[in-house]
């Protein structure tokens, strides 16, 4: 497996930063930590608690919502690192999962996330090779996924990031070799370097209009085929896709320049729903078929069919095209 020097150096730097930060935190709270049951808790500002260590023997763990009347708000860095836990339920009220929290938990298969979760720290689930059940959509307030947070989670098959997510770190899902279903947040603007590198089972991804950058090797060594890169993407890094990936894009876009001879470049003709280079009654029929669920448009077909600019390809667009063909004065909205 190829790990470029930049990735290794970033990883080492992150490890050093976390080690220093963790050491400082332990000193700061040395006299405000206590054990209760199978857990160690650390008191933070506002007299709230974080779970800082698990000592139990059970492999199926449910974290406490409160202890002695004080709320528990997060999973501290390294809390379960290299433990033998198999499933973990994180209750409502938790807002973060710290760096390295579940790093190396090779038996971990399931994590239940709360709706209150906001941040997943760097390398939080690094090398959790058995993890295959984690419902990201349940974390409807999740904002960020840290550097290499799920790297080498080779059993993870599906990732659906809620629209609350605005950032994911480099290497976030690198080498998730079983990942075959991916839904990106509608508010994500950047796919960073190596974010989905080596996701060998990933054949398709739909880019929301919010994405403007795809970083170096973002999808390298994936099995993508017929993936449409919209014109809203203005920056594409080196080796963002594998050389044999079939990338589809509109002429004049950043993707068109990137694709060269390996991709398919389409002239965007508003109203040409069936992508045959003309606007005619067949485009009206194509939209009617989609509305009747007799077919599904390709992402680029949906854009060209959406002549009223409302983000959908539906009967109102078909009517507008009919009026255009009947030579009524109609102005198509280009998106």
C-alpha atoms as a PDB file:
ATOM      1  CA  UNK A   1       0.000   0.000   0.000  1.00  0.00           C
ATOM      2  CA  UNK A   2       1.422   3.361  -1.046  1.00  0.00           C
ATOM      3  CA  UNK A   3       1.632   6.094   1.594  1.00  0.00           C
ATOM      4  CA  UNK A   4       3.176   9.295   0.161  1.00  0.00           C
ATOM      5  CA  UNK A   5       5.708  11.162   2.244  1.00  0.00           C
ATOM      6  CA  UNK A   6       3.283  14.010   2.764  1.00  0.00           C
ATOM      7  CA  UNK A   7       0.708  11.695   4.318  1.00  0.00           C
ATOM      8  CA  UNK A   8       3.314  10.127   6.624  1.00  0.00           C
ATOM      9  CA  UNK A   9       4.649  13.513   7.736  1.00  0.00           C
ATOM     10  CA  UNK A  10       1.159  14.852   8.415  1.00  0.00           C
ATOM     11  CA  UNK A  11       0.358  11.726  10.413  1.00  0.00           C
ATOM     12  CA  UNK A  12       3.516  12.005  12.526  1.00  0.00           C
ATOM     13  CA  UNK A  13       2.873  15.681  13.165  1.00  0.00           C
ATOM     14  CA  UNK A  14      -0.684  14.930  14.234  1.00  0.00           C
ATOM     15  CA  UNK A  15       0.512  12.218  16.603  1.00  0.00           C
ATOM     16  CA  UNK A  16       3.019  14.568  18.226  1.00  0.00           C
ATOM     17  CA  UNK A  17       0.441  17.336  18.630  1.00  0.00           C
ATOM     18  CA  UNK A  18      -2.079  14.998  20.209  1.00  0.00           C
ATOM     19  CA  UNK A  19       0.534  13.495  22.522  1.00  0.00           C
ATOM     20  CA  UNK A  20       1.553  16.945  23.773  1.00  0.00           C
ATOM     21  CA  UNK A  21      -2.048  18.114  24.128  1.00  0.00           C
ATOM     22  CA  UNK A  22      -3.052  14.918  25.892  1.00  0.00           C
ATOM     23  CA  UNK A  23      -0.148  15.129  28.328  1.00  0.00           C
ATOM     24  CA  UNK A  24      -1.047  18.701  29.179  1.00  0.00           C
ATOM     25  CA  UNK A  25      -4.695  17.829  29.692  1.00  0.00           C
ATOM     26  CA  UNK A  26      -3.897  14.928  31.995  1.00  0.00           C
ATOM     27  CA  UNK A  27      -1.775  17.206  34.159  1.00  0.00           C
ATOM     28  CA  UNK A  28      -4.484  19.863  34.234  1.00  0.00           C
ATOM     29  CA  UNK A  29      -7.164  17.453  35.366  1.00  0.00           C
ATOM     30  CA  UNK A  30      -5.042  15.115  37.492  1.00  0.00           C
ATOM     31  CA  UNK A  31      -6.968  16.073  40.615  1.00  0.00           C
ATOM     32  CA  UNK A  32     -10.412  16.225  38.955  1.00  0.00           C
ATOM     33  CA  UNK A  33     -10.685  12.683  37.595  1.00  0.00           C
ATOM     34  CA  UNK A  34     -12.460   9.860  39.372  1.00  0.00           C
ATOM     35  CA  UNK A  35     -13.512   6.256  38.805  1.00  0.00           C
ATOM     36  CA  UNK A  36     -17.129   5.164  38.871  1.00  0.00           C
ATOM     37  CA  UNK A  37     -18.112   1.631  37.898  1.00  0.00           C
ATOM     38  CA  UNK A  38     -16.247   0.537  34.771  1.00  0.00           C
ATOM     39  CA  UNK A  39     -15.244   4.061  33.759  1.00  0.00           C
ATOM     40  CA  UNK A  40     -12.935   6.900  34.622  1.00  0.00           C
ATOM     41  CA  UNK A  41     -14.450  10.358  34.257  1.00  0.00           C
ATOM     42  CA  UNK A  42     -12.727  13.706  33.888  1.00  0.00           C
ATOM     43  CA  UNK A  43     -14.368  16.913  35.103  1.00  0.00           C
ATOM     44  CA  UNK A  44     -14.297  19.771  32.600  1.00  0.00           C
ATOM     45  CA  UNK A  45     -15.379  23.407  32.650  1.00  0.00           C
ATOM     46  CA  UNK A  46     -18.964  23.901  33.719  1.00  0.00           C
ATOM     47  CA  UNK A  47     -18.818  20.870  36.032  1.00  0.00           C
ATOM     48  CA  UNK A  48     -19.589  18.450  33.236  1.00  0.00           C
ATOM     49  CA  UNK A  49     -17.874  15.130  32.592  1.00  0.00           C
ATOM     50  CA  UNK A  50     -16.188  13.229  29.812  1.00  0.00           C
ATOM     51  CA  UNK A  51     -15.552   9.492  29.730  1.00  0.00           C
ATOM     52  CA  UNK A  52     -11.771   9.230  29.786  1.00  0.00           C
ATOM     53  CA  UNK A  53     -11.113   5.499  30.305  1.00  0.00           C
ATOM     54  CA  UNK A  54     -12.956   2.198  30.137  1.00  0.00           C
ATOM     55  CA  UNK A  55     -11.883  -0.564  32.556  1.00  0.00           C
ATOM     56  CA  UNK A  56     -14.743  -3.041  32.123  1.00  0.00           C
ATOM     57  CA  UNK A  57     -14.773  -6.570  30.735  1.00  0.00           C
ATOM     58  CA  UNK A  58     -18.026  -6.341  28.801  1.00  0.00           C
ATOM     59  CA  UNK A  59     -17.652  -6.155  25.044  1.00  0.00           C
ATOM     60  CA  UNK A  60     -21.054  -4.492  24.604  1.00  0.00           C
ATOM     61  CA  UNK A  61     -20.865  -1.053  26.202  1.00  0.00           C
ATOM     62  CA  UNK A  62     -23.511   1.589  26.811  1.00  0.00           C
ATOM     63  CA  UNK A  63     -22.025   4.872  27.958  1.00  0.00           C
ATOM     64  CA  UNK A  64     -23.733   6.742  30.823  1.00  0.00           C
ATOM     65  CA  UNK A  65     -25.712   9.933  30.238  1.00  0.00           C
ATOM     66  CA  UNK A  66     -24.848  11.309  33.673  1.00  0.00           C
ATOM     67  CA  UNK A  67     -22.948  10.447  36.837  1.00  0.00           C
ATOM     68  CA  UNK A  68     -23.966  11.728  40.271  1.00  0.00           C
ATOM     69  CA  UNK A  69     -26.229  14.314  38.690  1.00  0.00           C
ATOM     70  CA  UNK A  70     -23.571  15.686  36.319  1.00  0.00           C
ATOM     71  CA  UNK A  71     -23.990  15.364  32.563  1.00  0.00           C
ATOM     72  CA  UNK A  72     -21.471  13.412  30.474  1.00  0.00           C
ATOM     73  CA  UNK A  73     -20.759  15.245  27.230  1.00  0.00           C
ATOM     74  CA  UNK A  74     -18.123  13.318  25.318  1.00  0.00           C
ATOM     75  CA  UNK A  75     -15.688  10.469  24.794  1.00  0.00           C
ATOM     76  CA  UNK A  76     -12.188  11.607  25.709  1.00  0.00           C
ATOM     77  CA  UNK A  77      -9.080  10.987  23.590  1.00  0.00           C
ATOM     78  CA  UNK A  78      -7.700   7.399  23.702  1.00  0.00           C
ATOM     79  CA  UNK A  79     -10.618   6.300  25.901  1.00  0.00           C
ATOM     80  CA  UNK A  80     -11.167   2.864  24.305  1.00  0.00           C
ATOM     81  CA  UNK A  81      -7.913   2.647  22.358  1.00  0.00           C
ATOM     82  CA  UNK A  82      -6.876  -0.941  21.535  1.00  0.00           C
ATOM     83  CA  UNK A  83      -9.660  -2.406  23.688  1.00  0.00           C
ATOM     84  CA  UNK A  84     -11.706  -5.523  22.833  1.00  0.00           C
ATOM     85  CA  UNK A  85     -15.131  -3.821  22.757  1.00  0.00           C
ATOM     86  CA  UNK A  86     -17.501  -5.035  20.057  1.00  0.00           C
ATOM     87  CA  UNK A  87     -20.380  -2.560  20.261  1.00  0.00           C
ATOM     88  CA  UNK A  88     -20.763   0.863  21.834  1.00  0.00           C
ATOM     89  CA  UNK A  89     -23.889   2.953  22.369  1.00  0.00           C
ATOM     90  CA  UNK A  90     -23.230   6.668  22.783  1.00  0.00           C
ATOM     91  CA  UNK A  91     -26.273   8.380  24.352  1.00  0.00           C
ATOM     92  CA  UNK A  92     -27.898  11.721  23.645  1.00  0.00           C
ATOM     93  CA  UNK A  93     -26.030  14.678  25.097  1.00  0.00           C
ATOM     94  CA  UNK A  94     -22.582  13.613  23.877  1.00  0.00           C
ATOM     95  CA  UNK A  95     -21.141  16.219  21.512  1.00  0.00           C
ATOM     96  CA  UNK A  96     -17.718  14.831  20.607  1.00  0.00           C
ATOM     97  CA  UNK A  97     -15.614  11.716  20.145  1.00  0.00           C
ATOM     98  CA  UNK A  98     -11.997  12.559  20.879  1.00  0.00           C
ATOM     99  CA  UNK A  99      -8.819  11.808  18.951  1.00  0.00           C
ATOM    100  CA  UNK A 100      -7.819   8.131  18.931  1.00  0.00           C
ATOM    101  CA  UNK A 101     -10.877   7.329  21.079  1.00  0.00           C
ATOM    102  CA  UNK A 102     -11.441   3.910  19.452  1.00  0.00           C
ATOM    103  CA  UNK A 103      -8.136   3.611  17.625  1.00  0.00           C
ATOM    104  CA  UNK A 104      -7.153  -0.031  17.102  1.00  0.00           C
ATOM    105  CA  UNK A 105     -10.411  -1.554  18.389  1.00  0.00           C
ATOM    106  CA  UNK A 106     -10.177  -4.415  15.919  1.00  0.00           C
ATOM    107  CA  UNK A 107     -13.241  -6.241  17.314  1.00  0.00           C
ATOM    108  CA  UNK A 108     -15.539  -3.221  17.189  1.00  0.00           C
ATOM    109  CA  UNK A 109     -18.427  -3.873  14.785  1.00  0.00           C
ATOM    110  CA  UNK A 110     -21.144  -1.405  15.792  1.00  0.00           C
ATOM    111  CA  UNK A 111     -21.335   2.153  17.103  1.00  0.00           C
ATOM    112  CA  UNK A 112     -24.637   3.931  17.765  1.00  0.00           C
ATOM    113  CA  UNK A 113     -24.239   7.691  17.464  1.00  0.00           C
ATOM    114  CA  UNK A 114     -26.459  10.323  19.162  1.00  0.00           C
ATOM    115  CA  UNK A 115     -28.170  13.175  17.347  1.00  0.00           C
ATOM    116  CA  UNK A 116     -26.235  15.630  19.545  1.00  0.00           C
ATOM    117  CA  UNK A 117     -22.812  14.575  18.242  1.00  0.00           C
ATOM    118  CA  UNK A 118     -20.939  17.460  16.591  1.00  0.00           C
ATOM    119  CA  UNK A 119     -17.338  16.355  16.090  1.00  0.00           C
ATOM    120  CA  UNK A 120     -15.406  13.126  15.480  1.00  0.00           C
ATOM    121  CA  UNK A 121     -11.717  13.621  16.264  1.00  0.00           C
ATOM    122  CA  UNK A 122      -8.626  12.681  14.302  1.00  0.00           C
ATOM    123  CA  UNK A 123      -8.013   8.940  13.959  1.00  0.00           C
ATOM    124  CA  UNK A 124     -10.974   8.291  16.268  1.00  0.00           C
ATOM    125  CA  UNK A 125     -11.762   4.936  14.597  1.00  0.00           C
ATOM    126  CA  UNK A 126      -8.405   4.328  12.906  1.00  0.00           C
ATOM    127  CA  UNK A 127      -7.783   0.627  12.174  1.00  0.00           C
ATOM    128  CA  UNK A 128     -11.240  -0.495  13.354  1.00  0.00           C
ATOM    129  CA  UNK A 129     -11.155  -3.204  10.706  1.00  0.00           C
ATOM    130  CA  UNK A 130     -14.408  -4.940  11.750  1.00  0.00           C
ATOM    131  CA  UNK A 131     -16.569  -1.815  11.997  1.00  0.00           C
ATOM    132  CA  UNK A 132     -19.501  -2.256   9.611  1.00  0.00           C
ATOM    133  CA  UNK A 133     -22.491  -0.718  11.355  1.00  0.00           C
ATOM    134  CA  UNK A 134     -22.458   2.991  12.064  1.00  0.00           C
ATOM    135  CA  UNK A 135     -25.395   5.230  11.200  1.00  0.00           C
ATOM    136  CA  UNK A 136     -23.951   8.635  10.390  1.00  0.00           C
ATOM    137  CA  UNK A 137     -27.375  10.044   9.538  1.00  0.00           C
ATOM    138  CA  UNK A 138     -28.474   9.548  13.155  1.00  0.00           C
ATOM    139  CA  UNK A 139     -25.863  12.185  14.085  1.00  0.00           C
ATOM    140  CA  UNK A 140     -27.934  14.915  12.493  1.00  0.00           C
ATOM    141  CA  UNK A 141     -25.842  17.705  14.066  1.00  0.00           C
ATOM    142  CA  UNK A 142     -22.453  16.302  13.090  1.00  0.00           C
ATOM    143  CA  UNK A 143     -20.222  19.074  11.732  1.00  0.00           C
ATOM    144  CA  UNK A 144     -16.774  17.581  11.198  1.00  0.00           C
ATOM    145  CA  UNK A 145     -14.967  14.287  10.726  1.00  0.00           C
ATOM    146  CA  UNK A 146     -11.270  14.516  11.565  1.00  0.00           C
ATOM    147  CA  UNK A 147      -8.073  13.455   9.849  1.00  0.00           C
ATOM    148  CA  UNK A 148      -7.962   9.687   9.175  1.00  0.00           C
ATOM    149  CA  UNK A 149     -10.955   9.228  11.485  1.00  0.00           C
ATOM    150  CA  UNK A 150     -12.086   6.030   9.714  1.00  0.00           C
ATOM    151  CA  UNK A 151      -8.923   5.079   7.849  1.00  0.00           C
ATOM    152  CA  UNK A 152      -8.499   1.311   7.371  1.00  0.00           C
ATOM    153  CA  UNK A 153     -12.077   0.529   8.440  1.00  0.00           C
ATOM    154  CA  UNK A 154     -12.062  -2.200   5.823  1.00  0.00           C
ATOM    155  CA  UNK A 155     -15.491  -3.674   6.726  1.00  0.00           C
ATOM    156  CA  UNK A 156     -17.367  -0.361   6.454  1.00  0.00           C
ATOM    157  CA  UNK A 157     -19.801  -0.673   3.536  1.00  0.00           C
ATOM    158  CA  UNK A 158     -21.980   2.437   3.695  1.00  0.00           C
ATOM    159  CA  UNK A 159     -21.402   6.088   4.616  1.00  0.00           C
ATOM    160  CA  UNK A 160     -24.179   8.671   4.422  1.00  0.00           C
ATOM    161  CA  UNK A 161     -22.997  11.985   5.812  1.00  0.00           C
ATOM    162  CA  UNK A 162     -25.807  14.232   7.119  1.00  0.00           C
ATOM    163  CA  UNK A 163     -26.118  17.676   5.584  1.00  0.00           C
ATOM    164  CA  UNK A 164     -24.856  19.213   8.818  1.00  0.00           C
ATOM    165  CA  UNK A 165     -21.315  18.056   7.942  1.00  0.00           C
ATOM    166  CA  UNK A 166     -19.230  20.928   6.583  1.00  0.00           C
ATOM    167  CA  UNK A 167     -15.759  19.379   6.683  1.00  0.00           C
ATOM    168  CA  UNK A 168     -13.959  16.056   6.576  1.00  0.00           C
ATOM    169  CA  UNK A 169     -10.242  15.663   7.142  1.00  0.00           C
ATOM    170  CA  UNK A 170      -7.553  14.290   4.886  1.00  0.00           C
ATOM    171  CA  UNK A 171      -7.552  10.473   4.766  1.00  0.00           C
ATOM    172  CA  UNK A 172     -10.931  10.476   6.541  1.00  0.00           C
ATOM    173  CA  UNK A 173     -12.142   7.250   4.854  1.00  0.00           C
ATOM    174  CA  UNK A 174      -8.867   6.151   3.262  1.00  0.00           C
ATOM    175  CA  UNK A 175      -8.614   2.408   2.554  1.00  0.00           C
ATOM    176  CA  UNK A 176     -12.212   1.616   3.492  1.00  0.00           C
ATOM    177  CA  UNK A 177     -11.971  -1.180   0.952  1.00  0.00           C
ATOM    178  CA  UNK A 178     -15.578  -2.433   1.331  1.00  0.00           C
ATOM    179  CA  UNK A 179     -17.184   0.994   1.022  1.00  0.00           C
ATOM    180  CA  UNK A 180     -19.691   0.735  -1.840  1.00  0.00           C
ATOM    181  CA  UNK A 181     -22.350   3.318  -0.913  1.00  0.00           C
ATOM    182  CA  UNK A 182     -21.418   6.947  -0.320  1.00  0.00           C
ATOM    183  CA  UNK A 183     -23.671   9.971   0.158  1.00  0.00           C
ATOM    184  CA  UNK A 184     -21.948  13.301   0.678  1.00  0.00           C
ATOM    185  CA  UNK A 185     -23.314  16.196   2.702  1.00  0.00           C
ATOM    186  CA  UNK A 186     -25.063  18.923   0.688  1.00  0.00           C
ATOM    187  CA  UNK A 187     -22.959  21.461   2.627  1.00  0.00           C
ATOM    188  CA  UNK A 188     -19.526  19.930   2.065  1.00  0.00           C
ATOM    189  CA  UNK A 189     -17.330  22.176  -0.073  1.00  0.00           C
ATOM    190  CA  UNK A 190     -14.047  20.295  -0.120  1.00  0.00           C
ATOM    191  CA  UNK A 191     -13.037  16.669  -0.649  1.00  0.00           C
ATOM    192  CA  UNK A 192      -9.545  16.755   0.874  1.00  0.00           C
ATOM    193  CA  UNK A 193      -6.459  14.810  -0.122  1.00  0.00           C
ATOM    194  CA  UNK A 194      -6.721  11.007   0.150  1.00  0.00           C
ATOM    195  CA  UNK A 195     -10.206  11.306   1.697  1.00  0.00           C
ATOM    196  CA  UNK A 196     -11.474   8.182  -0.118  1.00  0.00           C
ATOM    197  CA  UNK A 197      -8.184   6.830  -1.432  1.00  0.00           C
ATOM    198  CA  UNK A 198      -8.197   3.049  -1.863  1.00  0.00           C
ATOM    199  CA  UNK A 199     -11.972   2.555  -1.491  1.00  0.00           C
ATOM    200  CA  UNK A 200     -11.769  -0.265  -4.008  1.00  0.00           C
ATOM    201  CA  UNK A 201     -15.484  -1.184  -3.927  1.00  0.00           C
ATOM    202  CA  UNK A 202     -16.723   2.366  -4.543  1.00  0.00           C
ATOM    203  CA  UNK A 203     -18.216   2.544  -8.048  1.00  0.00           C
ATOM    204  CA  UNK A 204     -20.346   5.665  -7.884  1.00  0.00           C
ATOM    205  CA  UNK A 205     -20.545   8.983  -6.090  1.00  0.00           C
ATOM    206  CA  UNK A 206     -22.812  11.981  -6.605  1.00  0.00           C
ATOM    207  CA  UNK A 207     -21.222  15.357  -5.958  1.00  0.00           C
ATOM    208  CA  UNK A 208     -23.535  17.980  -4.430  1.00  0.00           C
ATOM    209  CA  UNK A 209     -23.427  21.492  -5.844  1.00  0.00           C
ATOM    210  CA  UNK A 210     -21.644  22.647  -2.679  1.00  0.00           C
ATOM    211  CA  UNK A 211     -18.415  20.819  -3.572  1.00  0.00           C
ATOM    212  CA  UNK A 212     -15.886  23.128  -5.229  1.00  0.00           C
ATOM    213  CA  UNK A 213     -12.618  21.250  -4.621  1.00  0.00           C
ATOM    214  CA  UNK A 214     -11.493  17.642  -4.971  1.00  0.00           C
ATOM    215  CA  UNK A 215      -8.038  17.189  -3.496  1.00  0.00           C
ATOM    216  CA  UNK A 216      -5.031  15.206  -4.633  1.00  0.00           C
ATOM    217  CA  UNK A 217      -5.730  11.454  -4.742  1.00  0.00           C
ATOM    218  CA  UNK A 218      -9.170  12.076  -3.238  1.00  0.00           C
ATOM    219  CA  UNK A 219     -10.668   9.065  -5.055  1.00  0.00           C
ATOM    220  CA  UNK A 220      -7.527   7.386  -6.357  1.00  0.00           C
ATOM    221  CA  UNK A 221      -7.674   3.573  -6.459  1.00  0.00           C
ATOM    222  CA  UNK A 222     -11.484   3.531  -6.400  1.00  0.00           C
ATOM    223  CA  UNK A 223     -13.634   1.716  -8.973  1.00  0.00           C
ATOM    224  CA  UNK A 224     -15.615   4.774 -10.083  1.00  0.00           C
ATOM    225  CA  UNK A 225     -17.429   4.519 -13.409  1.00  0.00           C
ATOM    226  CA  UNK A 226     -19.543   7.119 -15.199  1.00  0.00           C
ATOM    227  CA  UNK A 227     -19.200   9.632 -12.363  1.00  0.00           C
ATOM    228  CA  UNK A 228     -20.393  13.131 -13.202  1.00  0.00           C
ATOM    229  CA  UNK A 229     -18.252  16.006 -11.950  1.00  0.00           C
ATOM    230  CA  UNK A 230     -20.379  19.192 -12.013  1.00  0.00           C
ATOM    231  CA  UNK A 231     -19.185  22.594 -13.184  1.00  0.00           C
ATOM    232  CA  UNK A 232     -19.342  23.848  -9.597  1.00  0.00           C
ATOM    233  CA  UNK A 233     -16.102  21.917  -8.984  1.00  0.00           C
ATOM    234  CA  UNK A 234     -13.406  24.437  -9.873  1.00  0.00           C
ATOM    235  CA  UNK A 235     -10.295  22.715  -8.506  1.00  0.00           C
ATOM    236  CA  UNK A 236      -9.221  19.097  -9.029  1.00  0.00           C
ATOM    237  CA  UNK A 237      -5.939  17.828  -7.581  1.00  0.00           C
ATOM    238  CA  UNK A 238      -3.407  15.491  -9.138  1.00  0.00           C
ATOM    239  CA  UNK A 239      -4.583  11.863  -9.302  1.00  0.00           C
ATOM    240  CA  UNK A 240      -7.943  12.847  -7.816  1.00  0.00           C
ATOM    241  CA  UNK A 241      -9.366   9.877  -9.721  1.00  0.00           C
ATOM    242  CA  UNK A 242      -7.790   6.681 -10.989  1.00  0.00           C
ATOM    243  CA  UNK A 243      -6.601   6.815 -14.627  1.00  0.00           C
ATOM    244  CA  UNK A 244      -9.186   4.227 -15.714  1.00  0.00           C
ATOM    245  CA  UNK A 245     -12.144   5.939 -13.998  1.00  0.00           C
ATOM    246  CA  UNK A 246     -14.811   7.046 -16.478  1.00  0.00           C
ATOM    247  CA  UNK A 247     -15.439  10.680 -15.545  1.00  0.00           C
ATOM    248  CA  UNK A 248     -18.284  12.631 -17.144  1.00  0.00           C
ATOM    249  CA  UNK A 249     -18.346  16.427 -17.210  1.00  0.00           C
ATOM    250  CA  UNK A 250     -19.546  19.481 -19.109  1.00  0.00           C
ATOM    251  CA  UNK A 251     -17.279  21.150 -21.648  1.00  0.00           C
ATOM    252  CA  UNK A 252     -15.529  24.243 -20.374  1.00  0.00           C
ATOM    253  CA  UNK A 253     -15.444  23.022 -16.768  1.00  0.00           C
ATOM    254  CA  UNK A 254     -12.407  22.315 -14.607  1.00  0.00           C
ATOM    255  CA  UNK A 255     -13.217  18.626 -14.887  1.00  0.00           C
ATOM    256  CA  UNK A 256     -13.089  18.801 -18.686  1.00  0.00           C
ATOM    257  CA  UNK A 257      -9.513  20.029 -18.504  1.00  0.00           C
ATOM    258  CA  UNK A 258      -8.655  17.316 -15.975  1.00  0.00           C
ATOM    259  CA  UNK A 259     -10.292  14.451 -17.864  1.00  0.00           C
ATOM    260  CA  UNK A 260      -8.413  14.902 -21.092  1.00  0.00           C
ATOM    261  CA  UNK A 261      -8.903  11.827 -23.229  1.00  0.00           C
ATOM    262  CA  UNK A 262      -9.984   9.468 -20.427  1.00  0.00           C
ATOM    263  CA  UNK A 263     -13.321  11.111 -19.623  1.00  0.00           C
ATOM    264  CA  UNK A 264     -16.506  11.989 -21.471  1.00  0.00           C
ATOM    265  CA  UNK A 265     -17.074  15.684 -22.122  1.00  0.00           C
ATOM    266  CA  UNK A 266     -20.651  16.776 -22.823  1.00  0.00           C
ATOM    267  CA  UNK A 267     -21.886  20.031 -24.281  1.00  0.00           C
ATOM    268  CA  UNK A 268     -24.475  21.410 -21.879  1.00  0.00           C
ATOM    269  CA  UNK A 269     -27.658  22.157 -23.830  1.00  0.00           C
ATOM    270  CA  UNK A 270     -30.481  23.247 -21.543  1.00  0.00           C
ATOM    271  CA  UNK A 271     -33.609  21.295 -22.397  1.00  0.00           C
ATOM    272  CA  UNK A 272     -31.710  18.362 -23.893  1.00  0.00           C
ATOM    273  CA  UNK A 273     -32.926  15.930 -21.242  1.00  0.00           C
ATOM    274  CA  UNK A 274     -32.016  12.757 -23.146  1.00  0.00           C
ATOM    275  CA  UNK A 275     -28.545  14.040 -24.128  1.00  0.00           C
ATOM    276  CA  UNK A 276     -28.854  13.521 -27.874  1.00  0.00           C
ATOM    277  CA  UNK A 277     -27.617  16.999 -28.792  1.00  0.00           C
ATOM    278  CA  UNK A 278     -31.070  18.390 -29.651  1.00  0.00           C
ATOM    279  CA  UNK A 279     -34.082  19.838 -27.841  1.00  0.00           C
ATOM    280  CA  UNK A 280     -37.254  18.181 -29.107  1.00  0.00           C
ATOM    281  CA  UNK A 281     -40.343  16.231 -28.048  1.00  0.00           C
ATOM    282  CA  UNK A 282     -38.178  13.253 -27.032  1.00  0.00           C
ATOM    283  CA  UNK A 283     -36.855  15.335 -24.149  1.00  0.00           C
ATOM    284  CA  UNK A 284     -40.406  15.942 -22.945  1.00  0.00           C
ATOM    285  CA  UNK A 285     -41.033  12.196 -23.108  1.00  0.00           C
ATOM    286  CA  UNK A 286     -37.833  11.469 -21.179  1.00  0.00           C
ATOM    287  CA  UNK A 287     -38.903  13.729 -18.311  1.00  0.00           C
ATOM    288  CA  UNK A 288     -42.400  12.227 -18.275  1.00  0.00           C
ATOM    289  CA  UNK A 289     -40.868   8.771 -17.975  1.00  0.00           C
ATOM    290  CA  UNK A 290     -38.727   9.869 -15.032  1.00  0.00           C
ATOM    291  CA  UNK A 291     -41.777  11.363 -13.303  1.00  0.00           C
ATOM    292  CA  UNK A 292     -43.613   8.057 -13.850  1.00  0.00           C
ATOM    293  CA  UNK A 293     -40.606   6.250 -12.325  1.00  0.00           C
ATOM    294  CA  UNK A 294     -39.901   4.407 -15.569  1.00  0.00           C
ATOM    295  CA  UNK A 295     -36.291   5.472 -15.485  1.00  0.00           C
ATOM    296  CA  UNK A 296     -33.746   7.502 -13.539  1.00  0.00           C
ATOM    297  CA  UNK A 297     -31.874  10.433 -15.116  1.00  0.00           C
ATOM    298  CA  UNK A 298     -28.129  10.677 -14.996  1.00  0.00           C
ATOM    299  CA  UNK A 299     -26.989  13.659 -12.892  1.00  0.00           C
ATOM    300  CA  UNK A 300     -26.002  15.645 -15.984  1.00  0.00           C
ATOM    301  CA  UNK A 301     -29.344  14.829 -17.669  1.00  0.00           C
ATOM    302  CA  UNK A 302     -31.182  16.125 -14.620  1.00  0.00           C
ATOM    303  CA  UNK A 303     -29.249  19.408 -14.814  1.00  0.00           C
ATOM    304  CA  UNK A 304     -30.050  19.901 -18.511  1.00  0.00           C
ATOM    305  CA  UNK A 305     -33.699  18.927 -17.946  1.00  0.00           C
ATOM    306  CA  UNK A 306     -34.133  21.412 -15.089  1.00  0.00           C
ATOM    307  CA  UNK A 307     -34.963  24.337 -17.368  1.00  0.00           C
ATOM    308  CA  UNK A 308     -36.854  26.304 -14.704  1.00  0.00           C
ATOM    309  CA  UNK A 309     -33.885  26.138 -12.298  1.00  0.00           C
ATOM    310  CA  UNK A 310     -35.704  24.753  -9.252  1.00  0.00           C
ATOM    311  CA  UNK A 311     -33.306  21.850  -8.733  1.00  0.00           C
ATOM    312  CA  UNK A 312     -35.731  19.187  -9.998  1.00  0.00           C
ATOM    313  CA  UNK A 313     -36.548  17.579 -13.331  1.00  0.00           C
ATOM    314  CA  UNK A 314     -40.325  17.292 -13.300  1.00  0.00           C
ATOM    315  CA  UNK A 315     -43.519  17.962 -15.217  1.00  0.00           C
ATOM    316  CA  UNK A 316     -43.134  21.743 -14.956  1.00  0.00           C
ATOM    317  CA  UNK A 317     -39.871  21.451 -16.908  1.00  0.00           C
ATOM    318  CA  UNK A 318     -41.561  19.221 -19.501  1.00  0.00           C
ATOM    319  CA  UNK A 319     -44.292  21.844 -19.921  1.00  0.00           C
ATOM    320  CA  UNK A 320     -41.722  24.603 -20.310  1.00  0.00           C
ATOM    321  CA  UNK A 321     -39.905  22.642 -23.040  1.00  0.00           C
ATOM    322  CA  UNK A 322     -43.225  22.031 -24.821  1.00  0.00           C
ATOM    323  CA  UNK A 323     -43.902  25.767 -24.807  1.00  0.00           C
ATOM    324  CA  UNK A 324     -40.393  26.370 -26.162  1.00  0.00           C
ATOM    325  CA  UNK A 325     -41.018  23.894 -28.995  1.00  0.00           C
ATOM    326  CA  UNK A 326     -44.338  25.615 -29.745  1.00  0.00           C
ATOM    327  CA  UNK A 327     -42.302  28.832 -30.168  1.00  0.00           C
ATOM    328  CA  UNK A 328     -43.702  30.616 -27.153  1.00  0.00           C
ATOM    329  CA  UNK A 329     -41.321  33.078 -25.573  1.00  0.00           C
ATOM    330  CA  UNK A 330     -39.548  30.953 -22.980  1.00  0.00           C
ATOM    331  CA  UNK A 331     -36.272  31.579 -21.152  1.00  0.00           C
ATOM    332  CA  UNK A 332     -34.442  28.534 -19.852  1.00  0.00           C
ATOM    333  CA  UNK A 333     -32.601  28.983 -16.535  1.00  0.00           C
ATOM    334  CA  UNK A 334     -29.045  27.655 -16.686  1.00  0.00           C
ATOM    335  CA  UNK A 335     -27.608  26.091 -13.545  1.00  0.00           C
END
